[in-house]
Amino acid sequence: METEPFLSSEASPLPANPVLLRLYTSHFLSTWNSRMFEFGAVVFLASIFPGTLLYASVYALARSLSAVILSSWLGSLVDKMDRLSAIRHSIIWQRLPVAASCVCLGILLTSPPVHLAWALFMVLVLLAGIEKLAATANTVSVERDWAVIISDALHVPRQDLNASMRRIDLFCKLIAPVVVSLMDGLLSTKTAIWMVLGVNVAAVLVEYFAIAQVYHSVPQLDRSLDAQDEEGQVGDDDDEEDRPIERRPFLLGVSQYILGSVAPWRDYVQQRVFLASFSLSLLYLTVLSFGPTMVTFLLHSGFSSLQVSGMRIGAVVAELSGTWAAPFLMERIGPIRSGLWFLNWQFASLAAAVAAFAFASDSPRIVGGSLIVGVALSRLGLWGFDLSVQFLVQEGIEAGNRARFSATEMALQSVFEMISFATTIVFDDPDQFKYPVYISYSAIAVAAACFAAYVRRERGHLLHTSKCMG
């Protein structure tokens, strides 16, 4: 077995394995706490406001809306800030809102007066937006920026590093909700809230210092190293900007701001991999996942939080298996065709669940069981497709535009996620959940059509028998 390479001795670096271990530790703690609270807040709101999808949907909608409105600005800010300072801010601003939210949820459990309950819910919505933005900043920093630099510095294959980071994301996304459900089902909602608070507070220092050790072990992460190369150009830019700023008309300033806001979206659409990225983003318009609205529906259908947790185990296996199946299939038939296969697997897996809503709606257990099985099977296709598209984006977008493209993609994903929550606000009665299901399944069909168009444009055909059959 080959030994891991070392960094330059000038910065007293750590070997690659300890550096990656600290990177994974920080990323795991950030993602784990974010996923635990994201799911826990919905479960807690379902307990506090039973019999309706409205509160959970409004909460999740506002959380996504904050990312849609401010993600581009946040991405630009992260690009300009010192890398360590940016990620430390993201850690602090993730943890503070979670702690405050747990306090609000604890008060809501005591059944306060209606006016106080509404005020606390509005505070929860505001805190959710702040936590979402901080989580987005952390993700953009680590997965889209730090990972590229660290893989080059340590001579670690980027595809392997990406896959490892994605497995951490999936593990946290799938296991953290199970842990919350077990605490809520076996103990009590009140105990679960305080345990979420305790884990959130206990992890912050480890996460905070682990990422600092990674930063100091990889000199290439220091932005000041590039400052001298850009100093002259920056000076020229400042001279050019100083002249018009003093007498810039108000309307001209507004128009330039609008053009600046539209520019990332225009560039995003013009990229060759746009259709592939758009197809992936469309999959966020869904309630066909173990997300807030589906969990609320299952709880309404008679499943306990403990039962839902047990059923998620199959989904955990399916989703994690996608992170191994995708590299294997991409190696055999390429990322384009593997993406086509994975997306069609997702579409086919959900057919029975959608049919159950159409023809067996009077049998909640049949509908719920079909939904759980279908969603669990579809996860293999979803994350296999996700990794295929991620590879296509990394290969198809030049390094100078990768962060901007990724930030715009995340904003678009939040738009579709927000629309999915809007469908359950319109159809807030759990008995109307079939309509958001139909809309979600239609979005998958449109995504499949868009990706098929991308495949045909790139390859000239959808399937190639000799390649697909080996």
Protein backbone atom coordinates (compact mmCIF):
# COMPACT_ATOMS: atom_id res chain seq x y z
CA MET A 1 0.00 0.00 0.00
CA GLU A 2 1.33 3.40 -0.95
CA THR A 3 2.06 5.85 1.83
CA GLU A 4 0.20 9.12 1.89
CA PRO A 5 2.16 12.12 0.58
CA PHE A 6 3.35 14.94 2.82
CA LEU A 7 3.04 18.66 2.35
CA SER A 8 5.93 21.05 2.19
CA SER A 9 7.86 21.04 5.46
CA GLU A 10 7.87 24.83 5.59
CA ALA A 11 4.46 24.93 7.28
CA SER A 12 5.02 22.01 9.71
CA PRO A 13 2.29 20.08 7.96
CA LEU A 14 0.47 16.94 9.03
CA PRO A 15 0.47 13.80 6.89
CA ALA A 16 -2.43 13.51 4.47
CA ASN A 17 -4.40 11.02 6.56
CA PRO A 18 -4.59 13.21 9.71
CA VAL A 19 -5.45 16.24 7.58
CA LEU A 20 -8.29 14.38 5.90
CA LEU A 21 -9.41 12.95 9.23
CA ARG A 22 -9.76 16.46 10.66
CA LEU A 23 -11.52 17.65 7.51
CA TYR A 24 -13.98 14.76 7.67
CA THR A 25 -14.49 15.27 11.42
CA SER A 26 -15.38 18.94 11.01
CA HIS A 27 -17.60 18.25 8.01
CA PHE A 28 -19.32 15.38 9.81
CA LEU A 29 -20.11 17.44 12.91
CA SER A 30 -21.40 20.36 10.84
CA THR A 31 -23.59 18.15 8.67
CA TRP A 32 -24.75 15.93 11.54
CA ASN A 33 -25.95 18.84 13.67
CA SER A 34 -27.58 20.54 10.71
CA ARG A 35 -29.45 17.39 9.62
CA MET A 36 -30.42 16.48 13.16
CA PHE A 37 -32.01 19.85 13.78
CA GLU A 38 -33.52 20.14 10.27
CA PHE A 39 -35.46 16.91 10.77
CA GLY A 40 -36.01 17.36 14.48
CA ALA A 41 -37.64 20.76 14.06
CA VAL A 42 -40.26 19.21 11.76
CA VAL A 43 -40.97 16.31 14.12
CA PHE A 44 -41.24 18.70 17.05
CA LEU A 45 -43.57 21.04 15.13
CA ALA A 46 -45.74 18.04 14.19
CA SER A 47 -46.07 17.22 17.89
CA ILE A 48 -46.79 20.81 18.86
CA PHE A 49 -49.26 21.47 15.99
CA PRO A 50 -50.86 18.07 15.24
CA GLY A 51 -53.27 17.37 12.37
CA THR A 52 -51.88 19.82 9.79
CA LEU A 53 -48.98 20.13 7.35
CA LEU A 54 -49.18 23.94 7.42
CA TYR A 55 -46.64 24.79 10.12
CA ALA A 56 -43.99 22.32 8.97
CA SER A 57 -44.45 23.49 5.35
CA VAL A 58 -44.23 27.21 6.19
CA TYR A 59 -41.14 26.57 8.29
CA ALA A 60 -39.39 24.60 5.54
CA LEU A 61 -40.52 27.06 2.85
CA ALA A 62 -39.05 30.05 4.71
CA ARG A 63 -35.83 28.12 5.27
CA SER A 64 -35.45 27.50 1.53
CA LEU A 65 -36.53 31.05 0.64
CA SER A 66 -33.62 32.51 2.59
CA ALA A 67 -31.20 30.48 0.46
CA VAL A 68 -32.89 31.55 -2.79
CA ILE A 69 -32.70 35.25 -1.96
CA LEU A 70 -29.26 35.45 -0.37
CA SER A 71 -27.19 32.52 -1.66
CA SER A 72 -25.55 34.45 -4.52
CA TRP A 73 -24.58 37.29 -2.19
CA LEU A 74 -23.36 34.79 0.38
CA GLY A 75 -21.25 32.96 -2.20
CA SER A 76 -19.58 36.18 -3.27
CA LEU A 77 -18.89 37.06 0.36
CA VAL A 78 -17.31 33.67 1.04
CA ASP A 79 -15.10 34.06 -2.04
CA LYS A 80 -13.73 37.36 -0.71
CA MET A 81 -13.25 36.44 2.95
CA ASP A 82 -10.31 34.67 4.52
CA ARG A 83 -11.16 30.97 4.23
CA LEU A 84 -10.74 30.14 7.91
CA SER A 85 -12.67 33.20 9.04
CA ALA A 86 -15.53 32.40 6.64
CA ILE A 87 -15.93 28.82 7.80
CA ARG A 88 -15.63 29.72 11.46
CA HIS A 89 -18.40 32.28 11.04
CA SER A 90 -20.52 29.62 9.36
CA ILE A 91 -20.01 27.28 12.32
CA ILE A 92 -20.98 29.90 14.91
CA TRP A 93 -24.02 31.08 12.94
CA GLN A 94 -25.18 27.49 12.56
CA ARG A 95 -24.99 26.73 16.24
CA LEU A 96 -26.49 29.90 17.75
CA PRO A 97 -29.83 29.69 15.85
CA VAL A 98 -30.16 25.98 16.69
CA ALA A 99 -29.68 26.68 20.40
CA ALA A 100 -32.21 29.53 20.35
CA SER A 101 -34.67 27.42 18.34
CA CYS A 102 -34.53 24.59 20.86
CA VAL A 103 -35.43 27.04 23.61
CA CYS A 104 -38.41 28.32 21.56
CA LEU A 105 -39.60 24.77 20.86
CA GLY A 106 -39.33 23.90 24.53
CA ILE A 107 -41.56 26.86 25.40
CA LEU A 108 -44.06 25.92 22.68
CA LEU A 109 -44.40 22.45 24.20
CA THR A 110 -45.86 24.07 27.34
CA SER A 111 -48.91 25.24 25.31
CA PRO A 112 -48.45 29.01 25.74
CA PRO A 113 -51.17 31.54 24.79
CA VAL A 114 -51.98 31.77 21.09
CA HIS A 115 -50.31 35.15 20.55
CA LEU A 116 -47.11 33.96 22.21
CA ALA A 117 -47.18 30.71 20.24
CA TRP A 118 -47.40 32.65 16.95
CA ALA A 119 -44.58 34.97 18.02
CA LEU A 120 -42.36 32.01 18.91
CA PHE A 121 -43.18 30.32 15.60
CA MET A 122 -42.18 33.46 13.68
CA VAL A 123 -38.90 33.56 15.63
CA LEU A 124 -38.35 29.92 14.69
CA VAL A 125 -38.87 30.77 11.02
CA LEU A 126 -36.34 33.61 11.20
CA LEU A 127 -33.77 31.44 12.98
CA ALA A 128 -34.29 28.69 10.40
CA GLY A 129 -33.33 31.11 7.62
CA ILE A 130 -30.14 32.14 9.43
CA GLU A 131 -29.17 28.51 10.09
CA LYS A 132 -29.84 27.58 6.44
CA LEU A 133 -27.57 30.36 5.16
CA ALA A 134 -24.79 29.40 7.55
CA ALA A 135 -25.11 25.75 6.52
CA THR A 136 -24.96 26.78 2.85
CA ALA A 137 -21.81 28.83 3.48
CA ASN A 138 -20.21 25.87 5.21
CA THR A 139 -21.11 23.50 2.36
CA VAL A 140 -19.88 25.86 -0.36
CA SER A 141 -16.64 26.45 1.53
CA VAL A 142 -15.79 22.83 2.29
CA GLU A 143 -17.25 20.84 -0.60
CA ARG A 144 -16.76 23.27 -3.49
CA ASP A 145 -13.59 25.16 -2.49
CA TRP A 146 -11.56 23.49 0.26
CA ALA A 147 -11.98 20.01 -1.25
CA VAL A 148 -10.48 21.09 -4.58
CA ILE A 149 -7.45 22.76 -2.97
CA ILE A 150 -6.85 19.97 -0.46
CA SER A 151 -7.08 17.23 -3.09
CA ASP A 152 -4.47 19.02 -5.20
CA ALA A 153 -2.21 19.77 -2.23
CA LEU A 154 -2.30 16.24 -0.83
CA HIS A 155 -2.36 14.54 -4.24
CA VAL A 156 -5.61 12.80 -3.32
CA PRO A 157 -7.84 11.89 -6.29
CA ARG A 158 -10.62 14.45 -6.34
CA GLN A 159 -13.22 11.86 -7.25
CA ASP A 160 -12.36 9.84 -4.14
CA LEU A 161 -12.47 12.92 -1.92
CA ASN A 162 -15.83 13.96 -3.40
CA ALA A 163 -17.25 10.48 -2.84
CA SER A 164 -16.06 10.44 0.78
CA MET A 165 -17.61 13.84 1.47
CA ARG A 166 -20.86 12.73 -0.13
CA ARG A 167 -20.98 9.59 2.00
CA ILE A 168 -20.64 11.78 5.08
CA ASP A 169 -23.51 13.94 3.81
CA LEU A 170 -25.72 10.93 3.13
CA PHE A 171 -24.86 9.21 6.39
CA CYS A 172 -25.81 12.32 8.36
CA LYS A 173 -28.89 13.00 6.25
CA LEU A 174 -30.18 9.49 6.80
CA ILE A 175 -28.97 8.48 10.27
CA ALA A 176 -29.42 11.78 12.15
CA PRO A 177 -33.21 11.78 11.55
CA VAL A 178 -33.36 8.15 12.71
CA VAL A 179 -31.63 9.14 15.96
CA VAL A 180 -34.04 12.04 16.45
CA SER A 181 -37.04 9.78 15.79
CA LEU A 182 -35.77 7.19 18.25
CA MET A 183 -35.30 9.84 20.94
CA ASP A 184 -38.76 11.24 20.24
CA GLY A 185 -40.42 7.82 20.14
CA LEU A 186 -38.65 6.04 22.99
CA LEU A 187 -38.25 9.01 25.32
CA SER A 188 -40.33 12.15 24.76
CA THR A 189 -40.46 15.20 22.52
CA LYS A 190 -39.21 17.39 25.35
CA THR A 191 -36.24 15.12 26.03
CA ALA A 192 -35.43 14.95 22.32
CA ILE A 193 -35.36 18.76 22.04
CA TRP A 194 -32.91 19.13 24.92
CA MET A 195 -30.72 16.30 23.62
CA VAL A 196 -30.52 17.98 20.20
CA LEU A 197 -29.49 21.17 22.02
CA GLY A 198 -26.85 19.32 24.04
CA VAL A 199 -25.26 17.63 21.02
CA ASN A 200 -25.24 20.94 19.16
CA VAL A 201 -23.40 22.74 21.95
CA ALA A 202 -21.01 19.88 22.76
CA ALA A 203 -19.72 19.54 19.16
CA VAL A 204 -19.01 23.17 18.36
CA LEU A 205 -15.49 23.40 19.85
CA VAL A 206 -14.30 20.16 18.24
CA GLU A 207 -15.60 21.31 14.87
CA TYR A 208 -14.19 24.80 15.32
CA PHE A 209 -10.62 23.70 16.07
CA ALA A 210 -10.53 20.68 13.73
CA ILE A 211 -11.13 22.86 10.67
CA ALA A 212 -8.50 25.33 11.92
CA GLN A 213 -5.92 22.53 12.05
CA VAL A 214 -6.77 21.60 8.46
CA TYR A 215 -6.33 25.23 7.40
CA HIS A 216 -2.92 25.59 9.04
CA SER A 217 -1.76 22.25 7.61
CA VAL A 218 -2.51 23.21 3.99
CA PRO A 219 -0.72 26.49 3.12
CA GLN A 220 -2.51 26.70 -0.23
CA LEU A 221 -5.74 27.56 1.62
CA ASP A 222 -4.30 30.97 2.59
CA ARG A 223 -5.76 33.53 0.18
CA SER A 224 -2.99 36.04 0.99
CA LEU A 225 -0.58 33.94 -1.06
CA ASP A 226 -2.34 35.14 -4.20
CA ALA A 227 -2.57 38.76 -3.10
CA GLN A 228 0.73 39.89 -4.61
CA ASP A 229 -0.16 38.48 -8.02
CA GLU A 230 -3.44 40.36 -8.07
CA GLU A 231 -2.31 43.56 -6.34
CA GLY A 232 -1.63 45.56 -9.48
CA GLN A 233 -4.86 44.48 -11.11
CA VAL A 234 -6.86 45.30 -8.02
CA GLY A 235 -5.30 48.75 -7.88
CA ASP A 236 -6.32 49.42 -11.48
CA ASP A 237 -9.84 48.22 -10.76
CA ASP A 238 -10.08 50.51 -7.75
CA ASP A 239 -9.03 53.47 -9.88
CA GLU A 240 -11.69 52.63 -12.43
CA GLU A 241 -14.37 52.19 -9.80
CA ASP A 242 -13.54 55.39 -7.88
CA ARG A 243 -14.43 57.60 -10.83
CA PRO A 244 -18.06 56.61 -11.46
CA ILE A 245 -19.08 55.84 -7.87
CA GLU A 246 -19.13 59.49 -6.76
CA ARG A 247 -21.60 60.67 -9.41
CA ARG A 248 -23.43 57.47 -10.25
CA PRO A 249 -27.17 58.20 -10.73
CA PHE A 250 -29.52 56.23 -8.52
CA LEU A 251 -31.33 54.52 -11.41
CA LEU A 252 -28.03 53.55 -12.99
CA GLY A 253 -26.91 52.00 -9.72
CA VAL A 254 -30.18 50.04 -9.46
CA SER A 255 -29.91 48.82 -13.05
CA GLN A 256 -26.31 47.73 -12.53
CA TYR A 257 -27.34 45.87 -9.38
CA ILE A 258 -30.11 44.08 -11.29
CA LEU A 259 -27.75 43.18 -14.13
CA GLY A 260 -25.23 41.91 -11.60
CA SER A 261 -27.90 39.73 -9.99
CA VAL A 262 -29.05 38.33 -13.33
CA ALA A 263 -25.55 37.66 -14.67
CA PRO A 264 -24.91 34.43 -12.69
CA TRP A 265 -28.20 32.99 -13.93
CA ARG A 266 -27.45 33.95 -17.53
CA ASP A 267 -24.03 32.33 -17.32
CA TYR A 268 -25.54 29.26 -15.69
CA VAL A 269 -28.02 28.72 -18.52
CA GLN A 270 -25.33 29.20 -21.16
CA GLN A 271 -23.08 26.44 -19.81
CA ARG A 272 -22.92 23.20 -21.76
CA VAL A 273 -23.88 21.11 -18.72
CA PHE A 274 -26.90 23.27 -17.93
CA LEU A 275 -29.49 20.62 -18.80
CA ALA A 276 -27.76 18.03 -16.64
CA SER A 277 -27.58 20.42 -13.71
CA PHE A 278 -31.16 21.58 -14.26
CA SER A 279 -32.35 17.94 -14.25
CA LEU A 280 -30.70 17.37 -10.88
CA SER A 281 -32.17 20.60 -9.49
CA LEU A 282 -35.67 19.57 -10.59
CA LEU A 283 -35.46 16.54 -8.32
CA TYR A 284 -35.59 18.91 -5.35
CA LEU A 285 -39.23 19.64 -6.26
CA THR A 286 -40.42 16.59 -4.39
CA VAL A 287 -42.26 15.33 -1.37
CA LEU A 288 -41.20 11.78 -2.31
CA SER A 289 -38.43 11.63 0.26
CA PHE A 290 -38.11 11.14 3.98
CA GLY A 291 -38.36 14.89 4.33
CA PRO A 292 -40.55 17.11 6.49
CA THR A 293 -43.84 16.74 4.64
CA MET A 294 -43.66 13.00 4.00
CA VAL A 295 -42.74 12.31 7.62
CA THR A 296 -45.68 14.44 8.76
CA PHE A 297 -47.97 12.53 6.37
CA LEU A 298 -46.75 9.15 7.64
CA LEU A 299 -47.28 10.22 11.24
CA HIS A 300 -50.81 11.30 10.31
CA SER A 301 -51.41 7.95 8.57
CA GLY A 302 -50.90 6.07 11.82
CA PHE A 303 -47.19 5.27 11.76
CA SER A 304 -45.26 6.12 14.89
CA SER A 305 -41.98 8.02 14.76
CA LEU A 306 -40.27 4.81 15.89
CA GLN A 307 -41.79 2.87 12.98
CA VAL A 308 -40.75 5.56 10.53
CA SER A 309 -37.22 5.35 11.91
CA GLY A 310 -37.12 1.60 11.36
CA MET A 311 -38.38 1.93 7.81
CA ARG A 312 -35.70 4.47 7.04
CA ILE A 313 -33.02 1.81 7.54
CA GLY A 314 -33.77 0.38 4.10
CA ALA A 315 -33.52 3.86 2.63
CA VAL A 316 -30.17 4.32 4.37
CA VAL A 317 -28.79 1.18 2.73
CA ALA A 318 -30.16 2.14 -0.69
CA GLU A 319 -28.79 5.68 -0.60
CA LEU A 320 -25.34 4.74 0.63
CA SER A 321 -25.15 1.95 -1.93
CA GLY A 322 -25.59 4.60 -4.61
CA THR A 323 -22.24 6.14 -3.65
CA TRP A 324 -20.52 2.86 -4.52
CA ALA A 325 -22.72 1.90 -7.46
CA ALA A 326 -22.22 5.23 -9.22
CA PRO A 327 -18.40 5.10 -9.52
CA PHE A 328 -18.59 1.45 -10.63
CA LEU A 329 -21.19 2.16 -13.32
CA MET A 330 -19.47 5.36 -14.46
CA GLU A 331 -16.27 3.42 -14.99
CA ARG A 332 -18.08 0.89 -17.19
CA ILE A 333 -20.41 3.04 -19.29
CA GLY A 334 -19.42 6.63 -18.46
CA PRO A 335 -21.08 9.33 -16.34
CA ILE A 336 -23.60 10.36 -19.01
CA ARG A 337 -25.18 6.96 -19.56
CA SER A 338 -24.94 6.03 -15.89
CA GLY A 339 -26.85 9.20 -15.06
CA LEU A 340 -29.54 8.18 -17.55
CA TRP A 341 -29.83 4.73 -16.00
CA PHE A 342 -29.97 6.01 -12.43
CA LEU A 343 -32.61 8.64 -13.18
CA ASN A 344 -34.86 6.14 -14.94
CA TRP A 345 -34.45 3.74 -12.00
CA GLN A 346 -35.73 6.47 -9.70
CA PHE A 347 -38.72 7.13 -11.97
CA ALA A 348 -39.63 3.45 -12.21
CA SER A 349 -39.21 2.79 -8.47
CA LEU A 350 -41.84 5.37 -7.55
CA ALA A 351 -44.47 4.20 -10.04
CA ALA A 352 -46.18 1.79 -7.61
CA ALA A 353 -46.29 4.40 -4.83
CA VAL A 354 -47.95 6.95 -7.11
CA ALA A 355 -50.40 4.29 -8.33
CA ALA A 356 -51.30 3.49 -4.70
CA PHE A 357 -52.34 7.11 -4.14
CA ALA A 358 -54.49 6.96 -7.28
CA PHE A 359 -56.21 3.60 -6.73
CA ALA A 360 -55.92 2.71 -3.04
CA SER A 361 -56.31 6.06 -1.31
CA ASP A 362 -58.90 4.60 1.08
CA SER A 363 -56.27 2.27 2.59
CA PRO A 364 -53.76 4.45 4.47
CA ARG A 365 -51.53 1.54 5.43
CA ILE A 366 -51.23 0.33 1.83
CA VAL A 367 -50.53 3.84 0.60
CA GLY A 368 -48.00 4.50 3.36
CA GLY A 369 -46.26 1.15 2.88
CA SER A 370 -46.04 1.60 -0.90
CA LEU A 371 -44.72 5.10 -0.41
CA ILE A 372 -42.00 3.97 2.00
CA VAL A 373 -40.85 1.06 -0.20
CA GLY A 374 -40.92 3.13 -3.39
CA VAL A 375 -39.02 6.05 -1.88
CA ALA A 376 -36.42 3.72 -0.32
CA LEU A 377 -35.75 2.02 -3.68
CA SER A 378 -35.65 5.33 -5.53
CA ARG A 379 -32.81 6.61 -3.33
CA LEU A 380 -30.31 4.39 -5.15
CA GLY A 381 -31.20 6.10 -8.41
CA LEU A 382 -31.29 9.58 -6.92
CA TRP A 383 -27.79 9.58 -5.42
CA GLY A 384 -26.28 7.63 -8.27
CA PHE A 385 -27.64 10.33 -10.58
CA ASP A 386 -26.41 13.06 -8.22
CA LEU A 387 -22.83 11.76 -8.32
CA SER A 388 -22.97 11.33 -12.10
CA VAL A 389 -24.06 14.94 -12.59
CA GLN A 390 -21.51 16.19 -10.05
CA PHE A 391 -18.76 14.53 -12.08
CA LEU A 392 -20.11 16.07 -15.30
CA VAL A 393 -20.18 19.54 -13.72
CA GLN A 394 -16.64 19.24 -12.35
CA GLU A 395 -15.38 18.17 -15.77
CA GLY A 396 -17.48 20.59 -17.80
CA ILE A 397 -17.03 23.85 -15.85
CA GLU A 398 -13.69 25.62 -15.77
CA ALA A 399 -12.15 26.22 -12.35
CA GLY A 400 -12.70 29.99 -12.46
CA ASN A 401 -16.49 29.61 -12.79
CA ARG A 402 -17.07 26.46 -10.74
CA ALA A 403 -17.99 28.17 -7.46
CA ARG A 404 -20.31 30.67 -9.16
CA PHE A 405 -22.00 27.90 -11.14
CA SER A 406 -22.38 25.75 -8.01
CA ALA A 407 -23.85 28.62 -5.97
CA THR A 408 -26.40 29.32 -8.70
CA GLU A 409 -27.22 25.61 -8.91
CA MET A 410 -27.83 25.51 -5.16
CA ALA A 411 -30.09 28.57 -5.42
CA LEU A 412 -32.11 26.85 -8.16
CA GLN A 413 -32.38 23.73 -6.03
CA SER A 414 -33.73 25.87 -3.21
CA VAL A 415 -36.28 27.38 -5.61
CA PHE A 416 -37.63 23.93 -6.49
CA GLU A 417 -37.47 22.83 -2.87
CA MET A 418 -39.47 25.92 -1.96
CA ILE A 419 -42.08 25.08 -4.60
CA SER A 420 -42.43 21.59 -3.13
CA PHE A 421 -43.17 23.08 0.28
CA ALA A 422 -45.62 25.50 -1.34
CA THR A 423 -47.59 22.53 -2.71
CA THR A 424 -48.14 21.23 0.82
CA ILE A 425 -49.14 24.69 1.99
CA VAL A 426 -51.82 24.80 -0.70
CA PHE A 427 -52.81 21.19 0.01
CA ASP A 428 -52.22 21.32 3.77
CA ASP A 429 -54.74 18.57 4.62
CA PRO A 430 -52.87 15.23 4.89
CA ASP A 431 -55.75 13.65 2.96
CA GLN A 432 -54.74 15.86 0.01
CA PHE A 433 -51.13 14.70 0.07
CA LYS A 434 -51.68 12.80 -3.18
CA TYR A 435 -51.63 16.07 -5.16
CA PRO A 436 -48.10 17.06 -4.06
CA VAL A 437 -47.12 13.44 -4.83
CA TYR A 438 -48.43 13.75 -8.40
CA ILE A 439 -46.60 17.07 -8.85
CA SER A 440 -43.37 15.56 -7.53
CA TYR A 441 -43.60 12.56 -9.85
CA SER A 442 -44.22 14.88 -12.78
CA ALA A 443 -41.07 16.83 -11.87
CA ILE A 444 -39.05 13.59 -12.05
CA ALA A 445 -40.54 12.90 -15.48
CA VAL A 446 -39.54 16.37 -16.69
CA ALA A 447 -36.05 15.90 -15.23
CA ALA A 448 -35.72 12.61 -17.11
CA ALA A 449 -36.78 14.31 -20.34
CA CYS A 450 -34.29 17.16 -19.84
CA PHE A 451 -31.43 14.78 -19.10
CA ALA A 452 -32.38 12.65 -22.11
CA ALA A 453 -32.12 15.78 -24.26
CA TYR A 454 -28.67 16.45 -22.76
CA VAL A 455 -27.57 12.88 -23.48
CA ARG A 456 -28.80 13.04 -27.04
CA ARG A 457 -27.02 16.35 -27.63
CA GLU A 458 -23.76 15.04 -26.21
CA ARG A 459 -23.83 11.55 -27.73
CA GLY A 460 -26.23 11.78 -30.64
CA HIS A 461 -28.31 8.91 -29.20
CA LEU A 462 -29.78 7.79 -25.87
CA LEU A 463 -28.52 4.21 -25.69
CA HIS A 464 -25.56 2.42 -27.19
CA THR A 465 -26.07 -1.34 -26.98
CA SER A 466 -22.44 -2.38 -27.08
CA LYS A 467 -21.48 0.10 -24.33
CA CYS A 468 -24.47 -0.53 -22.07
CA MET A 469 -24.28 -4.32 -22.29
CA GLY A 470 -20.46 -4.50 -22.08
